[in-house]
Amino acid sequence: MTQLLSTQTRELENILAELPVEKVQELMDFAYYLRQRYTPHPQRGSATAILNMLVEVGPLQFEEGELETLLEEIEAMRQLDLLESD
């Protein structure tokens, strides 16, 4: 990644300070889009990719019982894979 010059950083800070909150969010969304499009990413589903996404979107939230159901379904699929590979 190219390092921002201190003048660029100050200029961005000044721009952000003058914008309404909803426009700052639009700018952030666009910055995330650019990062997604133009920077290398870890393989989808890898531990690194999952951790990066958690940093961006925050912690996972599940309805009551949803996590247990998902884990049970994953275990069932693993068991099926084991049976099919034998």
N, C-alpha and C. Protein backbone atom coordinates (compact mmCIF):
# COMPACT_ATOMS: atom_id res chain seq x y z
N MET A 1 0.84 -1.17 0.00
CA MET A 1 0.00 0.00 0.00
C MET A 1 0.88 1.23 0.00
N THR A 2 0.51 2.21 -0.75
CA THR A 2 1.24 3.46 -0.78
C THR A 2 0.96 4.23 0.49
N GLN A 3 2.02 4.71 1.13
CA GLN A 3 1.85 5.49 2.35
C GLN A 3 1.31 6.87 2.00
N LEU A 4 0.32 7.32 2.76
CA LEU A 4 -0.19 8.66 2.57
C LEU A 4 0.83 9.66 3.10
N LEU A 5 0.99 10.72 2.38
CA LEU A 5 1.82 11.80 2.87
C LEU A 5 1.08 12.52 3.97
N SER A 6 1.81 13.14 4.87
CA SER A 6 1.14 13.83 5.97
C SER A 6 0.21 14.93 5.45
N THR A 7 0.55 15.55 4.33
CA THR A 7 -0.34 16.58 3.77
C THR A 7 -1.64 15.96 3.27
N GLN A 8 -1.56 14.76 2.68
CA GLN A 8 -2.77 14.08 2.22
C GLN A 8 -3.64 13.68 3.41
N THR A 9 -3.00 13.20 4.46
CA THR A 9 -3.74 12.81 5.66
C THR A 9 -4.47 14.01 6.24
N ARG A 10 -3.79 15.13 6.35
CA ARG A 10 -4.42 16.35 6.89
C ARG A 10 -5.57 16.81 5.99
N GLU A 11 -5.35 16.73 4.68
CA GLU A 11 -6.40 17.13 3.75
C GLU A 11 -7.64 16.25 3.90
N LEU A 12 -7.43 14.93 4.01
CA LEU A 12 -8.57 14.03 4.23
C LEU A 12 -9.28 14.32 5.55
N GLU A 13 -8.52 14.60 6.59
CA GLU A 13 -9.12 14.93 7.89
C GLU A 13 -9.96 16.20 7.77
N ASN A 14 -9.45 17.19 7.06
CA ASN A 14 -10.20 18.44 6.88
C ASN A 14 -11.49 18.20 6.09
N ILE A 15 -11.41 17.40 5.05
CA ILE A 15 -12.60 17.09 4.25
C ILE A 15 -13.63 16.38 5.11
N LEU A 16 -13.18 15.38 5.87
CA LEU A 16 -14.11 14.63 6.73
C LEU A 16 -14.77 15.53 7.76
N ALA A 17 -14.02 16.46 8.32
CA ALA A 17 -14.56 17.35 9.35
C ALA A 17 -15.66 18.25 8.79
N GLU A 18 -15.62 18.52 7.49
CA GLU A 18 -16.59 19.44 6.90
C GLU A 18 -17.83 18.72 6.35
N LEU A 19 -17.77 17.43 6.20
CA LEU A 19 -18.89 16.69 5.60
C LEU A 19 -19.94 16.32 6.64
N PRO A 20 -21.21 16.23 6.21
CA PRO A 20 -22.25 15.69 7.10
C PRO A 20 -22.00 14.19 7.33
N VAL A 21 -22.52 13.69 8.43
CA VAL A 21 -22.27 12.31 8.85
C VAL A 21 -22.63 11.31 7.75
N GLU A 22 -23.77 11.49 7.08
CA GLU A 22 -24.18 10.51 6.06
C GLU A 22 -23.21 10.50 4.88
N LYS A 23 -22.60 11.66 4.58
CA LYS A 23 -21.63 11.71 3.48
C LYS A 23 -20.31 11.07 3.90
N VAL A 24 -19.96 11.18 5.18
CA VAL A 24 -18.76 10.50 5.68
C VAL A 24 -18.95 9.00 5.53
N GLN A 25 -20.17 8.52 5.84
CA GLN A 25 -20.43 7.08 5.69
C GLN A 25 -20.33 6.67 4.23
N GLU A 26 -20.82 7.49 3.31
CA GLU A 26 -20.69 7.18 1.88
C GLU A 26 -19.23 7.10 1.48
N LEU A 27 -18.44 8.01 2.00
CA LEU A 27 -17.01 8.00 1.70
C LEU A 27 -16.35 6.74 2.25
N MET A 28 -16.73 6.34 3.45
CA MET A 28 -16.19 5.11 4.04
C MET A 28 -16.60 3.90 3.21
N ASP A 29 -17.84 3.85 2.78
CA ASP A 29 -18.31 2.74 1.95
C ASP A 29 -17.50 2.65 0.66
N PHE A 30 -17.24 3.81 0.05
CA PHE A 30 -16.47 3.84 -1.19
C PHE A 30 -15.03 3.39 -0.93
N ALA A 31 -14.46 3.83 0.19
CA ALA A 31 -13.09 3.42 0.53
C ALA A 31 -13.02 1.91 0.73
N TYR A 32 -14.02 1.33 1.41
CA TYR A 32 -14.06 -0.13 1.58
C TYR A 32 -14.17 -0.83 0.23
N TYR A 33 -14.99 -0.26 -0.66
CA TYR A 33 -15.13 -0.83 -2.00
C TYR A 33 -13.78 -0.83 -2.72
N LEU A 34 -13.09 0.31 -2.68
CA LEU A 34 -11.79 0.40 -3.35
C LEU A 34 -10.79 -0.60 -2.76
N ARG A 35 -10.79 -0.72 -1.45
CA ARG A 35 -9.88 -1.67 -0.81
C ARG A 35 -10.22 -3.09 -1.25
N GLN A 36 -11.49 -3.42 -1.26
CA GLN A 36 -11.93 -4.75 -1.68
C GLN A 36 -11.49 -5.04 -3.11
N ARG A 37 -11.62 -4.04 -3.96
CA ARG A 37 -11.34 -4.23 -5.39
C ARG A 37 -9.85 -4.27 -5.73
N TYR A 38 -9.03 -3.49 -5.03
CA TYR A 38 -7.65 -3.29 -5.47
C TYR A 38 -6.57 -3.82 -4.53
N THR A 39 -6.92 -4.49 -3.47
CA THR A 39 -5.90 -5.07 -2.60
C THR A 39 -6.04 -6.58 -2.59
N PRO A 40 -4.93 -7.29 -2.43
CA PRO A 40 -5.01 -8.76 -2.38
C PRO A 40 -5.77 -9.20 -1.13
N HIS A 41 -6.49 -10.29 -1.27
CA HIS A 41 -7.30 -10.80 -0.17
C HIS A 41 -6.91 -12.24 0.14
N PRO A 42 -7.01 -12.60 1.42
CA PRO A 42 -6.79 -14.01 1.75
C PRO A 42 -7.89 -14.87 1.12
N GLN A 43 -7.60 -16.14 0.99
CA GLN A 43 -8.56 -17.06 0.37
C GLN A 43 -9.88 -17.03 1.13
N ARG A 44 -10.98 -16.98 0.39
CA ARG A 44 -12.31 -16.93 0.99
C ARG A 44 -12.51 -18.13 1.92
N GLY A 45 -13.00 -17.85 3.10
CA GLY A 45 -13.27 -18.90 4.08
C GLY A 45 -12.07 -19.24 4.95
N SER A 46 -10.90 -18.68 4.65
CA SER A 46 -9.72 -18.95 5.48
C SER A 46 -9.87 -18.22 6.81
N ALA A 47 -9.10 -18.66 7.79
CA ALA A 47 -9.16 -18.02 9.10
C ALA A 47 -8.83 -16.54 8.99
N THR A 48 -7.85 -16.21 8.16
CA THR A 48 -7.47 -14.80 7.99
C THR A 48 -8.61 -14.00 7.39
N ALA A 49 -9.28 -14.54 6.39
CA ALA A 49 -10.40 -13.84 5.76
C ALA A 49 -11.53 -13.62 6.76
N ILE A 50 -11.81 -14.62 7.57
CA ILE A 50 -12.88 -14.51 8.56
C ILE A 50 -12.53 -13.46 9.61
N LEU A 51 -11.29 -13.49 10.10
CA LEU A 51 -10.88 -12.51 11.10
C LEU A 51 -10.91 -11.09 10.53
N ASN A 52 -10.47 -10.92 9.29
CA ASN A 52 -10.53 -9.60 8.66
C ASN A 52 -11.95 -9.10 8.56
N MET A 53 -12.87 -9.97 8.20
CA MET A 53 -14.26 -9.57 8.08
C MET A 53 -14.84 -9.19 9.44
N LEU A 54 -14.46 -9.92 10.48
CA LEU A 54 -14.96 -9.59 11.82
C LEU A 54 -14.48 -8.21 12.25
N VAL A 55 -13.27 -7.84 11.86
CA VAL A 55 -12.76 -6.51 12.17
C VAL A 55 -13.61 -5.45 11.48
N GLU A 56 -14.00 -5.72 10.24
CA GLU A 56 -14.77 -4.75 9.45
C GLU A 56 -16.21 -4.62 9.92
N VAL A 57 -16.87 -5.75 10.17
CA VAL A 57 -18.31 -5.71 10.44
C VAL A 57 -18.68 -5.89 11.90
N GLY A 58 -17.73 -6.26 12.74
CA GLY A 58 -18.02 -6.45 14.15
C GLY A 58 -18.30 -7.92 14.46
N PRO A 59 -18.60 -8.20 15.72
CA PRO A 59 -18.79 -9.59 16.14
C PRO A 59 -20.03 -10.23 15.51
N LEU A 60 -19.98 -11.55 15.41
CA LEU A 60 -21.13 -12.29 14.90
C LEU A 60 -22.25 -12.25 15.93
N GLN A 61 -23.47 -12.18 15.44
CA GLN A 61 -24.63 -12.19 16.32
C GLN A 61 -25.61 -13.23 15.82
N PHE A 62 -26.08 -14.07 16.73
CA PHE A 62 -26.99 -15.15 16.38
C PHE A 62 -28.27 -15.03 17.20
N GLU A 63 -29.35 -15.47 16.60
CA GLU A 63 -30.60 -15.59 17.34
C GLU A 63 -30.43 -16.74 18.34
N GLU A 64 -31.28 -16.79 19.32
CA GLU A 64 -31.19 -17.85 20.32
C GLU A 64 -31.32 -19.22 19.64
N GLY A 65 -30.36 -20.09 19.88
CA GLY A 65 -30.36 -21.44 19.34
C GLY A 65 -29.81 -21.55 17.92
N GLU A 66 -29.60 -20.43 17.24
CA GLU A 66 -29.14 -20.47 15.84
C GLU A 66 -27.73 -21.03 15.72
N LEU A 67 -26.82 -20.61 16.60
CA LEU A 67 -25.45 -21.10 16.53
C LEU A 67 -25.39 -22.61 16.74
N GLU A 68 -26.13 -23.11 17.72
CA GLU A 68 -26.15 -24.54 17.99
C GLU A 68 -26.66 -25.31 16.78
N THR A 69 -27.69 -24.79 16.13
CA THR A 69 -28.24 -25.43 14.94
C THR A 69 -27.20 -25.47 13.82
N LEU A 70 -26.51 -24.36 13.59
CA LEU A 70 -25.48 -24.32 12.56
C LEU A 70 -24.36 -25.32 12.84
N LEU A 71 -23.93 -25.38 14.10
CA LEU A 71 -22.86 -26.31 14.45
C LEU A 71 -23.31 -27.76 14.28
N GLU A 72 -24.54 -28.05 14.63
CA GLU A 72 -25.07 -29.40 14.43
C GLU A 72 -25.13 -29.77 12.95
N GLU A 73 -25.53 -28.81 12.12
CA GLU A 73 -25.58 -29.06 10.67
C GLU A 73 -24.18 -29.29 10.10
N ILE A 74 -23.22 -28.53 10.57
CA ILE A 74 -21.83 -28.72 10.12
C ILE A 74 -21.34 -30.10 10.51
N GLU A 75 -21.62 -30.51 11.73
CA GLU A 75 -21.18 -31.83 12.19
C GLU A 75 -21.86 -32.93 11.39
N ALA A 76 -23.14 -32.76 11.07
CA ALA A 76 -23.86 -33.75 10.26
C ALA A 76 -23.23 -33.87 8.88
N MET A 77 -22.87 -32.75 8.28
CA MET A 77 -22.23 -32.77 6.96
C MET A 77 -20.86 -33.44 7.02
N ARG A 78 -20.13 -33.21 8.09
CA ARG A 78 -18.83 -33.87 8.26
C ARG A 78 -19.01 -35.38 8.35
N GLN A 79 -20.00 -35.79 9.09
CA GLN A 79 -20.26 -37.22 9.23
C GLN A 79 -20.63 -37.84 7.88
N LEU A 80 -21.44 -37.14 7.09
CA LEU A 80 -21.79 -37.63 5.77
C LEU A 80 -20.56 -37.74 4.87
N ASP A 81 -19.68 -36.76 4.95
CA ASP A 81 -18.44 -36.78 4.18
C ASP A 81 -17.59 -38.00 4.56
N LEU A 82 -17.54 -38.28 5.85
CA LEU A 82 -16.75 -39.44 6.31
C LEU A 82 -17.35 -40.74 5.80
N LEU A 83 -18.68 -40.84 5.81
CA LEU A 83 -19.33 -42.04 5.33
C LEU A 83 -19.11 -42.24 3.83
N GLU A 84 -19.16 -41.16 3.08
CA GLU A 84 -18.98 -41.23 1.62
C GLU A 84 -17.55 -41.53 1.23
N SER A 85 -16.59 -41.15 2.06
CA SER A 85 -15.19 -41.37 1.71
C SER A 85 -14.72 -42.79 2.07
N ASP A 86 -15.50 -43.49 2.85
CA ASP A 86 -15.11 -44.88 3.23
C ASP A 86 -15.38 -45.88 2.14
